[in-house]
Amino acid sequence: MRKFLVIYLCSYLIGCGEKEKVGNQGITNLEFSLDTVMIDPGNELLYLNAGLRMASLEAKRDYLYNFNLSDHTIEKINLNSRKLEDKLAFEKEGPDGVGDMVYRMDLISDELVAFLGYVKVGIFDLKGRKVAEFPIAEIDFDGDRLIEGERFEFLNTYMFDPQKMVGLIRNARERTFSLGVLDSDFRHLKKTPIPLDALENFRFVLSSPSRVQMSFPSANISKHKGNYVITNEVNNTILLYDADLDTLKKINYKPMLTEDRKKGKYNQVTETEEEFKKETQSVQQEISFMAPVWDKKNNRFYRFSHKAVNFASPAIKEEVYKSSVYLTVFDADFNVIAESLVEDLTKPPGFHFVKDGMLWLFVNLEDELGFVRLNFEL
């Protein structure tokens, strides 16, 4: 079975260990190579149902912590030995309960983890004891106040330090965004307006008597050398916020292989599922940008972008969904130094990160946890 997995992954990505030169219009060439590693789960079945959406990496990239929604444990995976090392137990209910509406988990230090729900966030130590809790939907903070129509967004729009939370605040009435910094035990709020208004042009609602469904673009916050890095999928703008100096820097760059933003105009409120599907698929055919990831070894950033070129059809049994996927390489100051179409990567990468100078891309093959490690030279 393992031989089959390796062969499959080589066809899925970039040519089964061979190096391929990619260049375009004077852009620095990228020489790709890859291998595949699998995680040994021992006698356990790792939780992969959420596509590692519940996973978080520790700072040195030696361990991956993955929250198992089935049994409320954290799977501690050693990425060096590539084995499941431990399962850390947490309670679902009670004073130390994480709740049953957790949609994300973040490791915020060597000893603390945050469980994010739709209405509250809980901070726990790794022994399962709750350290702090606060409601996301609350508006009665010290400092700046949340006005009517404002609330913290969820999904990937939070960044935690041990005593601070940074998150995006959306004003639904004004269709504007601010960056919210909660410190002093998550009680004191500071708001800074940020230019993310373009996201509002790509929120879709299916409103029918039988069903309500929503689709909206994603944003992401990460931390790098004292700055909070804010990106979104609608355009390639990178925002750097220094919380200590209260300064916001905007970085724009012009891709040579793709557009720099989504440009279409769409019917954002639909009444039928067919209309909703048509509009959301049209948006997927425009370029989407993923969050940049940092390569400490080589002192540079990598950022994937993608756009759909084909969709699955109910009339066809085999999977026909396909995307064009691009990789942009930046230096430490977000200057573009290389750009390439990754020809054989036909789906947008899911959970991915950099370890030992290589990009690790999560794959789930027959419920086994694996990573394709993408290595390249400029």
Protein backbone atom coordinates (compact mmCIF):
# COMPACT_ATOMS: atom_id res chain seq x y z
CA MET A 1 0.00 0.00 0.00
CA ARG A 2 2.81 2.44 0.80
CA LYS A 3 4.29 1.97 -2.70
CA PHE A 4 0.91 2.86 -4.18
CA LEU A 5 0.72 5.96 -2.01
CA VAL A 6 4.09 7.21 -3.15
CA ILE A 7 3.26 6.62 -6.81
CA TYR A 8 -0.08 8.36 -6.40
CA LEU A 9 1.42 11.39 -4.74
CA CYS A 10 4.15 11.70 -7.33
CA SER A 11 1.53 11.96 -10.03
CA TYR A 12 -0.53 14.32 -7.89
CA LEU A 13 2.30 16.79 -7.54
CA ILE A 14 5.48 17.25 -9.53
CA GLY A 15 6.95 14.30 -11.29
CA CYS A 16 7.98 11.54 -8.86
CA GLY A 17 11.23 12.90 -7.52
CA GLU A 18 12.47 14.38 -10.80
CA LYS A 19 13.52 18.00 -10.86
CA GLU A 20 11.67 20.34 -13.16
CA LYS A 21 12.79 23.84 -14.14
CA VAL A 22 10.07 26.43 -14.37
CA GLY A 23 10.64 29.93 -15.68
CA ASN A 24 8.69 32.78 -17.22
CA GLN A 25 9.57 36.21 -18.58
CA GLY A 26 12.76 36.63 -16.59
CA ILE A 27 11.30 35.38 -13.32
CA THR A 28 13.79 33.41 -11.26
CA ASN A 29 13.56 29.69 -12.07
CA LEU A 30 12.32 27.18 -9.52
CA GLU A 31 13.72 23.66 -9.50
CA PHE A 32 11.28 21.35 -7.73
CA SER A 33 11.78 18.00 -6.05
CA LEU A 34 9.53 16.11 -3.67
CA ASP A 35 9.17 13.16 -1.38
CA THR A 36 6.36 11.78 0.73
CA VAL A 37 6.31 10.94 4.44
CA MET A 38 3.60 9.16 6.40
CA ILE A 39 2.75 9.48 10.09
CA ASP A 40 2.70 6.27 12.13
CA PRO A 41 -0.42 6.41 14.35
CA GLY A 42 0.41 3.25 16.29
CA ASN A 43 -2.86 1.63 17.35
CA GLU A 44 -4.84 4.87 17.07
CA LEU A 45 -6.91 6.33 14.25
CA LEU A 46 -5.89 9.96 13.73
CA TYR A 47 -8.62 12.57 13.35
CA LEU A 48 -8.51 13.78 9.74
CA ASN A 49 -12.19 14.58 9.18
CA ALA A 50 -11.56 18.33 9.38
CA GLY A 51 -8.53 18.28 7.07
CA LEU A 52 -6.25 19.38 9.95
CA ARG A 53 -8.37 22.52 10.40
CA MET A 54 -8.11 21.71 14.12
CA ALA A 55 -4.31 21.41 14.02
CA SER A 56 -1.61 23.78 15.26
CA LEU A 57 2.19 23.74 15.12
CA GLU A 58 4.58 24.52 17.96
CA ALA A 59 7.20 27.18 17.29
CA LYS A 60 10.13 24.88 16.46
CA ARG A 61 8.04 22.80 14.04
CA ASP A 62 8.96 19.62 15.90
CA TYR A 63 5.38 18.81 16.92
CA LEU A 64 1.95 19.03 15.37
CA TYR A 65 -1.00 19.22 17.78
CA ASN A 66 -4.29 18.03 16.28
CA PHE A 67 -7.60 18.29 18.15
CA ASN A 68 -9.76 15.19 17.84
CA LEU A 69 -13.43 16.21 17.94
CA SER A 70 -14.52 12.61 18.33
CA ASP A 71 -12.93 11.97 21.72
CA HIS A 72 -11.86 15.51 22.76
CA THR A 73 -8.16 14.75 22.87
CA ILE A 74 -5.18 16.52 21.35
CA GLU A 75 -3.05 14.22 19.22
CA LYS A 76 0.60 15.16 19.80
CA ILE A 77 2.49 14.16 16.65
CA ASN A 78 6.29 14.16 16.48
CA LEU A 79 7.21 15.42 13.01
CA ASN A 80 10.85 14.32 13.37
CA SER A 81 10.15 10.70 14.23
CA ARG A 82 6.84 10.97 12.30
CA LYS A 83 4.89 9.15 14.98
CA LEU A 84 1.92 9.82 17.22
CA GLU A 85 3.63 10.44 20.54
CA ASP A 86 0.77 11.15 22.95
CA LYS A 87 -2.93 11.92 23.31
CA LEU A 88 -3.80 14.77 25.71
CA ALA A 89 -7.27 14.44 27.24
CA PHE A 90 -9.75 17.33 27.57
CA GLU A 91 -13.29 17.45 28.92
CA LYS A 92 -16.22 18.26 26.71
CA GLU A 93 -18.51 19.68 29.40
CA GLY A 94 -18.25 21.01 32.93
CA PRO A 95 -16.05 23.75 34.45
CA ASP A 96 -13.08 22.63 32.34
CA GLY A 97 -15.11 21.73 29.27
CA VAL A 98 -14.07 22.92 25.82
CA GLY A 99 -17.69 22.73 24.61
CA ASP A 100 -19.22 21.01 21.61
CA MET A 101 -19.04 23.93 19.16
CA VAL A 102 -15.28 24.18 18.67
CA TYR A 103 -14.25 25.10 15.13
CA ARG A 104 -10.54 25.82 15.62
CA MET A 105 -7.65 25.21 18.01
CA ASP A 106 -4.50 27.33 18.36
CA LEU A 107 -1.36 26.52 20.31
CA ILE A 108 -0.44 29.89 21.83
CA SER A 109 2.62 28.86 23.87
CA ASP A 110 4.45 25.73 25.00
CA GLU A 111 1.88 25.38 27.78
CA LEU A 112 -1.36 27.01 26.60
CA VAL A 113 -3.91 26.26 23.91
CA ALA A 114 -6.97 28.20 22.73
CA PHE A 115 -10.23 26.52 21.70
CA LEU A 116 -12.32 28.80 19.49
CA GLY A 117 -16.08 28.47 19.40
CA TYR A 118 -18.70 30.56 17.65
CA VAL A 119 -19.61 32.55 20.77
CA LYS A 120 -16.63 32.18 23.10
CA VAL A 121 -12.94 31.34 23.34
CA GLY A 122 -11.42 29.18 26.08
CA ILE A 123 -7.75 29.19 27.09
CA PHE A 124 -6.49 25.89 28.57
CA ASP A 125 -3.24 24.41 29.74
CA LEU A 126 -2.14 21.16 28.18
CA LYS A 127 -3.31 19.22 31.23
CA GLY A 128 -6.90 20.09 30.38
CA ARG A 129 -7.48 22.88 32.92
CA LYS A 130 -9.29 26.04 31.83
CA VAL A 131 -7.22 29.17 32.47
CA ALA A 132 -9.47 31.87 31.01
CA GLU A 133 -12.62 32.31 28.95
CA PHE A 134 -14.24 35.23 27.20
CA PRO A 135 -17.21 35.65 24.83
CA ILE A 136 -16.45 36.69 21.27
CA ALA A 137 -19.91 38.20 20.89
CA GLU A 138 -19.52 40.50 23.91
CA ILE A 139 -19.55 44.25 23.22
CA ASP A 140 -18.84 45.66 26.68
CA PHE A 141 -15.04 45.89 26.54
CA ASP A 142 -12.87 48.53 28.17
CA GLY A 143 -11.15 51.04 25.88
CA ASP A 144 -12.69 51.21 22.40
CA ARG A 145 -16.26 49.97 22.26
CA LEU A 146 -17.91 47.76 19.71
CA ILE A 147 -20.77 49.76 18.21
CA GLU A 148 -24.03 48.36 16.90
CA GLY A 149 -23.39 46.19 13.86
CA GLU A 150 -19.81 45.31 14.88
CA ARG A 151 -18.53 41.96 16.06
CA PHE A 152 -15.43 39.82 15.87
CA GLU A 153 -15.27 37.62 12.80
CA PHE A 154 -14.35 33.95 13.23
CA LEU A 155 -12.62 31.23 11.20
CA ASN A 156 -8.95 32.20 10.62
CA THR A 157 -9.27 35.82 11.70
CA TYR A 158 -7.69 35.50 15.16
CA MET A 159 -4.14 35.52 16.42
CA PHE A 160 -3.32 34.67 20.04
CA ASP A 161 -0.47 35.55 22.35
CA PRO A 162 -0.55 34.33 25.97
CA GLN A 163 -2.18 37.59 27.16
CA LYS A 164 -3.49 39.09 23.92
CA MET A 165 -5.89 38.35 21.11
CA VAL A 166 -5.79 40.07 17.72
CA GLY A 167 -8.84 39.64 15.51
CA LEU A 168 -10.81 41.15 12.65
CA ILE A 169 -13.91 43.15 13.53
CA ARG A 170 -16.58 43.49 10.86
CA ASN A 171 -19.16 46.26 10.79
CA ALA A 172 -22.07 44.66 8.97
CA ARG A 173 -23.93 47.96 8.59
CA GLU A 174 -21.06 50.01 7.21
CA ARG A 175 -19.41 47.06 5.40
CA THR A 176 -16.04 47.99 6.89
CA PHE A 177 -13.35 46.24 8.93
CA SER A 178 -11.13 47.06 11.86
CA LEU A 179 -8.33 45.22 13.57
CA GLY A 180 -9.16 44.59 17.21
CA VAL A 181 -6.45 44.05 19.84
CA LEU A 182 -7.68 42.64 23.16
CA ASP A 183 -5.15 42.68 26.00
CA SER A 184 -5.13 43.07 29.79
CA ASP A 185 -6.66 39.62 30.27
CA PHE A 186 -8.71 40.03 27.08
CA ARG A 187 -10.67 42.97 28.50
CA HIS A 188 -9.15 46.13 26.97
CA LEU A 189 -9.97 46.66 23.27
CA LYS A 190 -8.14 48.82 20.74
CA LYS A 191 -9.59 49.19 17.24
CA THR A 192 -7.66 50.20 14.10
CA PRO A 193 -9.46 50.61 10.74
CA ILE A 194 -7.98 48.42 7.99
CA PRO A 195 -8.68 48.40 4.23
CA LEU A 196 -10.53 45.12 3.71
CA ASP A 197 -13.75 46.56 2.33
CA ALA A 198 -13.31 44.61 -0.94
CA LEU A 199 -14.24 41.41 0.89
CA GLU A 200 -17.83 42.65 1.10
CA ASN A 201 -18.24 42.34 -2.69
CA PHE A 202 -17.81 38.56 -2.47
CA ARG A 203 -20.22 37.57 0.30
CA PHE A 204 -23.08 35.42 -1.02
CA VAL A 205 -26.40 34.53 0.57
CA LEU A 206 -28.90 31.90 -0.52
CA SER A 207 -32.22 33.02 0.91
CA SER A 208 -35.14 30.74 0.16
CA PRO A 209 -38.19 29.56 2.16
CA SER A 210 -36.56 26.16 2.66
CA ARG A 211 -32.90 27.01 3.16
CA VAL A 212 -30.44 29.73 4.11
CA GLN A 213 -26.79 29.35 3.10
CA MET A 214 -23.85 31.74 3.14
CA SER A 215 -20.44 31.92 1.48
CA PHE A 216 -17.86 34.58 2.23
CA PRO A 217 -14.16 35.14 1.52
CA SER A 218 -11.54 34.21 4.08
CA ALA A 219 -8.92 36.32 5.81
CA ASN A 220 -5.96 35.27 7.91
CA ILE A 221 -3.82 36.70 10.70
CA SER A 222 -0.38 35.42 11.68
CA LYS A 223 2.57 36.88 13.55
CA HIS A 224 6.08 37.50 12.26
CA LYS A 225 8.89 39.34 14.06
CA GLY A 226 6.64 41.65 16.04
CA ASN A 227 4.21 42.36 13.21
CA TYR A 228 0.76 40.90 12.67
CA VAL A 229 0.48 39.78 9.03
CA ILE A 230 -3.05 40.19 7.65
CA THR A 231 -4.01 38.74 4.27
CA ASN A 232 -7.19 37.76 2.45
CA GLU A 233 -8.19 35.64 -0.51
CA VAL A 234 -9.80 38.44 -2.58
CA ASN A 235 -6.62 40.40 -3.37
CA ASN A 236 -2.90 39.96 -2.87
CA THR A 237 -2.49 42.92 -0.50
CA ILE A 238 -0.39 42.16 2.59
CA LEU A 239 -0.97 44.28 5.71
CA LEU A 240 1.64 44.50 8.47
CA TYR A 241 0.41 45.85 11.80
CA ASP A 242 2.80 46.77 14.61
CA ALA A 243 0.70 46.74 17.80
CA ASP A 244 3.40 48.42 19.90
CA LEU A 245 3.79 51.37 17.52
CA ASP A 246 0.18 51.25 16.28
CA THR A 247 1.31 51.46 12.66
CA LEU A 248 -0.15 49.76 9.60
CA LYS A 249 1.96 49.09 6.49
CA LYS A 250 0.37 48.05 3.19
CA ILE A 251 2.33 45.93 0.71
CA ASN A 252 1.18 45.50 -2.89
CA TYR A 253 2.97 43.57 -5.62
CA LYS A 254 2.15 42.82 -9.24
CA PRO A 255 2.07 39.11 -10.12
CA MET A 256 3.37 38.26 -13.57
CA LEU A 257 1.39 35.03 -13.95
CA THR A 258 -2.00 35.94 -12.46
CA GLU A 259 -4.29 38.84 -11.68
CA ASP A 260 -3.69 40.70 -8.42
CA ARG A 261 -7.34 40.56 -7.28
CA LYS A 262 -10.82 39.30 -8.00
CA LYS A 263 -12.60 41.72 -10.32
CA GLY A 264 -15.99 40.23 -11.18
CA LYS A 265 -19.39 41.59 -10.21
CA TYR A 266 -21.89 39.08 -8.91
CA ASN A 267 -25.44 38.67 -7.73
CA GLN A 268 -24.75 38.37 -4.01
CA VAL A 269 -28.29 37.44 -2.89
CA THR A 270 -29.88 34.45 -4.62
CA GLU A 271 -33.15 32.60 -4.17
CA THR A 272 -32.33 29.18 -5.61
CA GLU A 273 -29.53 26.70 -5.05
CA GLU A 274 -28.73 26.73 -8.76
CA GLU A 275 -28.16 30.50 -8.74
CA PHE A 276 -26.11 30.27 -5.55
CA LYS A 277 -23.91 27.52 -7.00
CA LYS A 278 -23.42 29.46 -10.24
CA GLU A 279 -22.27 32.62 -8.47
CA THR A 280 -19.93 30.86 -6.03
CA GLN A 281 -18.37 28.76 -8.79
CA SER A 282 -17.79 31.87 -10.89
CA VAL A 283 -15.92 33.44 -7.99
CA GLN A 284 -13.75 30.33 -7.65
CA GLN A 285 -12.70 30.74 -11.27
CA GLU A 286 -11.05 34.02 -10.32
CA ILE A 287 -7.70 34.08 -8.54
CA SER A 288 -7.68 33.39 -4.78
CA PHE A 289 -4.74 34.05 -2.48
CA MET A 290 -3.64 31.95 0.51
CA ALA A 291 -1.75 33.15 3.58
CA PRO A 292 2.05 33.39 3.29
CA VAL A 293 4.14 30.95 5.35
CA TRP A 294 7.61 31.69 6.70
CA ASP A 295 10.75 29.69 5.97
CA LYS A 296 13.11 30.39 8.86
CA LYS A 297 15.96 28.35 7.40
CA ASN A 298 16.08 30.24 4.08
CA ASN A 299 14.74 33.56 5.39
CA ARG A 300 11.85 33.88 2.95
CA PHE A 301 8.07 33.58 2.55
CA TYR A 302 6.02 31.28 0.31
CA ARG A 303 2.49 32.01 -0.83
CA PHE A 304 0.13 29.84 -2.87
CA SER A 305 -2.63 31.22 -5.08
CA HIS A 306 -5.13 29.31 -7.20
CA LYS A 307 -8.18 29.46 -9.44
CA ALA A 308 -10.61 26.76 -10.52
CA VAL A 309 -10.54 25.66 -14.15
CA ASN A 310 -13.00 22.76 -13.97
CA PHE A 311 -15.77 21.56 -11.66
CA ALA A 312 -17.15 18.13 -10.80
CA SER A 313 -20.34 17.09 -12.56
CA PRO A 314 -22.99 14.81 -11.00
CA ALA A 315 -23.25 13.04 -14.36
CA ILE A 316 -19.59 11.99 -14.24
CA LYS A 317 -18.51 9.44 -11.65
CA GLU A 318 -14.83 10.38 -11.55
CA GLU A 319 -13.54 13.54 -9.92
CA VAL A 320 -13.04 16.30 -12.49
CA TYR A 321 -12.54 19.33 -10.25
CA LYS A 322 -9.26 20.99 -11.13
CA SER A 323 -7.43 24.20 -10.24
CA SER A 324 -4.38 26.02 -11.49
CA VAL A 325 -2.05 26.51 -8.52
CA TYR A 326 0.75 29.08 -8.34
CA LEU A 327 3.61 29.60 -5.91
CA THR A 328 5.18 33.00 -5.16
CA VAL A 329 8.44 33.30 -3.23
CA PHE A 330 9.27 36.49 -1.29
CA ASP A 331 12.30 37.70 0.58
CA ALA A 332 12.00 38.71 4.24
CA ASP A 333 10.63 42.14 3.25
CA PHE A 334 7.96 40.71 0.92
CA ASN A 335 9.79 41.53 -2.29
CA VAL A 336 8.92 38.94 -4.96
CA ILE A 337 11.93 36.88 -5.96
CA ALA A 338 10.28 33.98 -7.82
CA GLU A 339 6.90 32.96 -9.20
CA SER A 340 5.73 29.75 -10.83
CA LEU A 341 2.77 27.69 -11.92
CA VAL A 342 2.95 24.35 -10.11
CA GLU A 343 1.65 22.37 -13.04
CA ASP A 344 0.83 19.03 -11.45
CA LEU A 345 -0.68 20.40 -8.27
CA THR A 346 -4.30 20.35 -9.39
CA LYS A 347 -6.06 21.29 -6.16
CA PRO A 348 -5.47 24.16 -3.73
CA PRO A 349 -3.20 23.04 -0.88
CA GLY A 350 -4.92 22.46 2.43
CA PHE A 351 -3.01 22.65 5.71
CA HIS A 352 0.62 23.43 4.89
CA PHE A 353 3.72 24.82 6.58
CA VAL A 354 7.50 25.06 6.27
CA LYS A 355 9.85 22.75 8.15
CA ASP A 356 13.57 22.31 7.54
CA GLY A 357 13.40 24.54 4.48
CA MET A 358 10.70 22.45 2.77
CA LEU A 359 6.99 23.02 2.24
CA TRP A 360 4.94 20.28 3.92
CA LEU A 361 1.49 19.75 2.34
CA PHE A 362 -1.10 17.65 4.18
CA VAL A 363 -2.66 14.70 2.35
CA ASN A 364 -5.29 12.25 3.55
CA LEU A 365 -5.02 8.93 1.75
CA GLU A 366 -7.44 6.27 2.89
CA ASP A 367 -7.53 7.81 6.39
CA GLU A 368 -3.75 7.82 6.74
CA LEU A 369 -1.99 11.07 7.60
CA GLY A 370 0.78 11.99 5.19
CA PHE A 371 2.71 15.00 3.95
CA VAL A 372 4.14 15.77 0.56
CA ARG A 373 7.40 17.65 1.16
CA LEU A 374 8.07 20.12 -1.62
CA ASN A 375 11.66 21.27 -1.93
CA PHE A 376 13.05 23.67 -4.50
CA GLU A 377 16.02 25.85 -5.30
CA LEU A 378 16.03 29.33 -6.81
